[in-house]
C-alpha atoms as a PDB file:
ATOM      1  CA  UNK A   1       0.000   0.000   0.000  1.00  0.00           C
ATOM      2  CA  UNK A   2       2.915   2.370   0.661  1.00  0.00           C
ATOM      3  CA  UNK A   3       4.014   2.065  -2.958  1.00  0.00           C
ATOM      4  CA  UNK A   4       0.567   2.875  -4.341  1.00  0.00           C
ATOM      5  CA  UNK A   5       0.143   5.795  -1.936  1.00  0.00           C
ATOM      6  CA  UNK A   6       3.560   7.259  -2.794  1.00  0.00           C
ATOM      7  CA  UNK A   7       2.813   6.808  -6.506  1.00  0.00           C
ATOM      8  CA  UNK A   8      -0.467   8.709  -6.156  1.00  0.00           C
ATOM      9  CA  UNK A   9       1.177  11.414  -4.094  1.00  0.00           C
ATOM     10  CA  UNK A  10       3.953  11.762  -6.665  1.00  0.00           C
ATOM     11  CA  UNK A  11       1.452  11.728  -9.539  1.00  0.00           C
ATOM     12  CA  UNK A  12      -0.239  14.787  -8.047  1.00  0.00           C
ATOM     13  CA  UNK A  13       2.578  16.678  -6.328  1.00  0.00           C
ATOM     14  CA  UNK A  14       5.743  15.468  -8.074  1.00  0.00           C
ATOM     15  CA  UNK A  15       7.757  16.671 -11.029  1.00  0.00           C
ATOM     16  CA  UNK A  16      10.036  14.919 -13.498  1.00  0.00           C
ATOM     17  CA  UNK A  17      12.906  16.250 -15.566  1.00  0.00           C
ATOM     18  CA  UNK A  18      14.321  13.834 -18.123  1.00  0.00           C
ATOM     19  CA  UNK A  19      15.904  16.061 -20.732  1.00  0.00           C
ATOM     20  CA  UNK A  20      19.095  16.458 -22.674  1.00  0.00           C
ATOM     21  CA  UNK A  21      20.734  19.877 -22.712  1.00  0.00           C
ATOM     22  CA  UNK A  22      23.944  21.671 -23.453  1.00  0.00           C
ATOM     23  CA  UNK A  23      26.229  22.509 -20.522  1.00  0.00           C
ATOM     24  CA  UNK A  24      29.607  24.126 -20.288  1.00  0.00           C
ATOM     25  CA  UNK A  25      32.253  21.900 -18.769  1.00  0.00           C
ATOM     26  CA  UNK A  26      36.037  22.100 -18.506  1.00  0.00           C
ATOM     27  CA  UNK A  27      37.758  24.920 -20.369  1.00  0.00           C
ATOM     28  CA  UNK A  28      34.447  26.337 -21.594  1.00  0.00           C
ATOM     29  CA  UNK A  29      33.656  23.395 -23.890  1.00  0.00           C
ATOM     30  CA  UNK A  30      29.993  22.586 -24.343  1.00  0.00           C
ATOM     31  CA  UNK A  31      28.679  19.042 -24.032  1.00  0.00           C
ATOM     32  CA  UNK A  32      25.249  17.487 -24.330  1.00  0.00           C
ATOM     33  CA  UNK A  33      24.322  15.968 -20.966  1.00  0.00           C
ATOM     34  CA  UNK A  34      21.246  14.242 -19.604  1.00  0.00           C
ATOM     35  CA  UNK A  35      19.416  15.500 -16.531  1.00  0.00           C
ATOM     36  CA  UNK A  36      17.199  12.859 -14.922  1.00  0.00           C
ATOM     37  CA  UNK A  37      15.572  14.075 -11.703  1.00  0.00           C
ATOM     38  CA  UNK A  38      12.331  13.263  -9.877  1.00  0.00           C
ATOM     39  CA  UNK A  39      11.122  15.632  -7.171  1.00  0.00           C
ATOM     40  CA  UNK A  40       8.232  15.808  -4.714  1.00  0.00           C
ATOM     41  CA  UNK A  41       7.534  19.257  -3.243  1.00  0.00           C
ATOM     42  CA  UNK A  42       4.992  20.248  -0.615  1.00  0.00           C
ATOM     43  CA  UNK A  43       4.633  22.305   2.555  1.00  0.00           C
ATOM     44  CA  UNK A  44       3.954  19.313   4.851  1.00  0.00           C
ATOM     45  CA  UNK A  45       7.400  18.309   6.126  1.00  0.00           C
ATOM     46  CA  UNK A  46       6.203  15.099   7.798  1.00  0.00           C
ATOM     47  CA  UNK A  47       4.870  13.644   4.534  1.00  0.00           C
ATOM     48  CA  UNK A  48       8.065  14.472   2.619  1.00  0.00           C
ATOM     49  CA  UNK A  49      10.219  12.950   5.369  1.00  0.00           C
ATOM     50  CA  UNK A  50       7.989   9.852   5.468  1.00  0.00           C
ATOM     51  CA  UNK A  51       8.442   9.337   1.708  1.00  0.00           C
ATOM     52  CA  UNK A  52      12.214   9.643   2.159  1.00  0.00           C
ATOM     53  CA  UNK A  53      12.182   7.186   5.057  1.00  0.00           C
ATOM     54  CA  UNK A  54      10.047   4.611   3.219  1.00  0.00           C
ATOM     55  CA  UNK A  55      12.085   4.746   0.003  1.00  0.00           C
ATOM     56  CA  UNK A  56      15.501   5.124   1.596  1.00  0.00           C
ATOM     57  CA  UNK A  57      16.944   7.154  -1.300  1.00  0.00           C
ATOM     58  CA  UNK A  58      17.138  10.757  -2.343  1.00  0.00           C
ATOM     59  CA  UNK A  59      17.518  13.872  -0.271  1.00  0.00           C
ATOM     60  CA  UNK A  60      15.156  16.148   1.645  1.00  0.00           C
ATOM     61  CA  UNK A  61      15.669  19.871   1.891  1.00  0.00           C
ATOM     62  CA  UNK A  62      13.641  22.841   3.002  1.00  0.00           C
ATOM     63  CA  UNK A  63      13.182  25.857   0.756  1.00  0.00           C
ATOM     64  CA  UNK A  64      12.311  29.006   2.685  1.00  0.00           C
ATOM     65  CA  UNK A  65      10.059  31.193   0.546  1.00  0.00           C
ATOM     66  CA  UNK A  66       8.714  33.160   3.500  1.00  0.00           C
ATOM     67  CA  UNK A  67      11.078  36.080   2.881  1.00  0.00           C
ATOM     68  CA  UNK A  68      10.493  37.440  -0.621  1.00  0.00           C
ATOM     69  CA  UNK A  69      12.420  40.530  -1.772  1.00  0.00           C
ATOM     70  CA  UNK A  70       9.488  42.754  -0.813  1.00  0.00           C
ATOM     71  CA  UNK A  71       9.920  41.697   2.832  1.00  0.00           C
ATOM     72  CA  UNK A  72       6.277  40.665   3.226  1.00  0.00           C
ATOM     73  CA  UNK A  73       6.059  36.980   4.162  1.00  0.00           C
ATOM     74  CA  UNK A  74       3.235  35.212   2.365  1.00  0.00           C
ATOM     75  CA  UNK A  75       4.520  31.739   1.556  1.00  0.00           C
ATOM     76  CA  UNK A  76       4.933  28.677   3.730  1.00  0.00           C
ATOM     77  CA  UNK A  77       8.268  26.885   3.842  1.00  0.00           C
ATOM     78  CA  UNK A  78       8.406  24.235   1.141  1.00  0.00           C
ATOM     79  CA  UNK A  79       9.943  20.774   1.607  1.00  0.00           C
ATOM     80  CA  UNK A  80      11.402  18.814  -1.293  1.00  0.00           C
ATOM     81  CA  UNK A  81      12.391  15.192  -1.730  1.00  0.00           C
ATOM     82  CA  UNK A  82      14.587  14.675  -4.766  1.00  0.00           C
ATOM     83  CA  UNK A  83      16.308  11.708  -6.430  1.00  0.00           C
ATOM     84  CA  UNK A  84      18.204  11.484  -9.680  1.00  0.00           C
ATOM     85  CA  UNK A  85      19.706   9.250 -12.323  1.00  0.00           C
ATOM     86  CA  UNK A  86      19.891   5.557 -11.242  1.00  0.00           C
ATOM     87  CA  UNK A  87      17.781   6.173  -8.120  1.00  0.00           C
ATOM     88  CA  UNK A  88      15.224   7.878 -10.352  1.00  0.00           C
ATOM     89  CA  UNK A  89      15.174   4.792 -12.595  1.00  0.00           C
ATOM     90  CA  UNK A  90      14.489   2.489  -9.644  1.00  0.00           C
ATOM     91  CA  UNK A  91      11.824   4.842  -8.276  1.00  0.00           C
ATOM     92  CA  UNK A  92      10.218   5.111 -11.731  1.00  0.00           C
ATOM     93  CA  UNK A  93      10.048   1.314 -12.026  1.00  0.00           C
ATOM     94  CA  UNK A  94       8.647   1.108  -8.508  1.00  0.00           C
ATOM     95  CA  UNK A  95       5.709   3.470  -9.123  1.00  0.00           C
ATOM     96  CA  UNK A  96       5.109   2.767 -12.837  1.00  0.00           C
ATOM     97  CA  UNK A  97       2.201   0.318 -12.298  1.00  0.00           C
ATOM     98  CA  UNK A  98       0.292   2.881 -10.218  1.00  0.00           C
ATOM     99  CA  UNK A  99       0.740   6.281 -11.909  1.00  0.00           C
ATOM    100  CA  UNK A 100      -1.939   7.724 -14.163  1.00  0.00           C
ATOM    101  CA  UNK A 101      -0.942  11.301 -14.988  1.00  0.00           C
ATOM    102  CA  UNK A 102       2.844  11.098 -15.292  1.00  0.00           C
ATOM    103  CA  UNK A 103       2.989   7.646 -16.915  1.00  0.00           C
ATOM    104  CA  UNK A 104       4.537   9.001 -20.144  1.00  0.00           C
ATOM    105  CA  UNK A 105       7.304  10.825 -18.272  1.00  0.00           C
ATOM    106  CA  UNK A 106       7.969   7.757 -16.087  1.00  0.00           C
ATOM    107  CA  UNK A 107       8.257   5.609 -19.217  1.00  0.00           C
ATOM    108  CA  UNK A 108      10.689   8.136 -20.710  1.00  0.00           C
ATOM    109  CA  UNK A 109      13.045   7.596 -17.751  1.00  0.00           C
ATOM    110  CA  UNK A 110      12.752   3.813 -18.015  1.00  0.00           C
ATOM    111  CA  UNK A 111      13.280   3.938 -21.785  1.00  0.00           C
ATOM    112  CA  UNK A 112      16.281   6.236 -21.402  1.00  0.00           C
ATOM    113  CA  UNK A 113      18.137   3.742 -19.211  1.00  0.00           C
ATOM    114  CA  UNK A 114      16.813   0.438 -20.508  1.00  0.00           C
ATOM    115  CA  UNK A 115      15.875   0.931 -24.152  1.00  0.00           C
ATOM    116  CA  UNK A 116      17.815  -2.141 -25.246  1.00  0.00           C
ATOM    117  CA  UNK A 117      16.136  -4.466 -22.708  1.00  0.00           C
ATOM    118  CA  UNK A 118      12.789  -5.991 -23.730  1.00  0.00           C
ATOM    119  CA  UNK A 119      11.519  -6.375 -20.129  1.00  0.00           C
ATOM    120  CA  UNK A 120      12.141  -2.704 -19.354  1.00  0.00           C
ATOM    121  CA  UNK A 121       9.048  -2.119 -17.214  1.00  0.00           C
ATOM    122  CA  UNK A 122       9.538  -4.925 -14.723  1.00  0.00           C
ATOM    123  CA  UNK A 123       7.853  -4.130 -11.426  1.00  0.00           C
ATOM    124  CA  UNK A 124      10.005  -3.641  -8.343  1.00  0.00           C
ATOM    125  CA  UNK A 125       8.865  -4.755  -4.889  1.00  0.00           C
ATOM    126  CA  UNK A 126       9.166  -1.995  -2.272  1.00  0.00           C
ATOM    127  CA  UNK A 127      10.502  -4.370   0.415  1.00  0.00           C
ATOM    128  CA  UNK A 128      13.154  -5.721  -1.947  1.00  0.00           C
ATOM    129  CA  UNK A 129      14.046  -2.143  -2.894  1.00  0.00           C
ATOM    130  CA  UNK A 130      14.459  -1.139   0.761  1.00  0.00           C
ATOM    131  CA  UNK A 131      16.644  -4.167   1.523  1.00  0.00           C
ATOM    132  CA  UNK A 132      18.864  -3.861  -1.550  1.00  0.00           C
ATOM    133  CA  UNK A 133      22.038  -3.067   0.415  1.00  0.00           C
END
């Protein structure tokens, strides 16, 4: 049930970036690099920390938007859980059977890493994922 709940939460509150872009690297040379990141952002810290604890990957950080340049506070502090690259692949495979809205973006991550494998969308068990180390 945790997996389905986290998938639904991510489907509504999460964001995915799986894009290729140009970046400057050593000595000003430009290279095409992939950015693969999945992020869940909300103002309820306990939920974000629970997701992090259940999955056991990624990072949690607080973004303080209560002090805009105008000096008038009008935003709550936002909490973000973020994972990238190989962790994003595992998380994508974990929630793939349950997502409805972001299914195309989830499949893009899976395809990016496992395009040559015919069983690319194999389902991952949350308990096996937690005990992988």
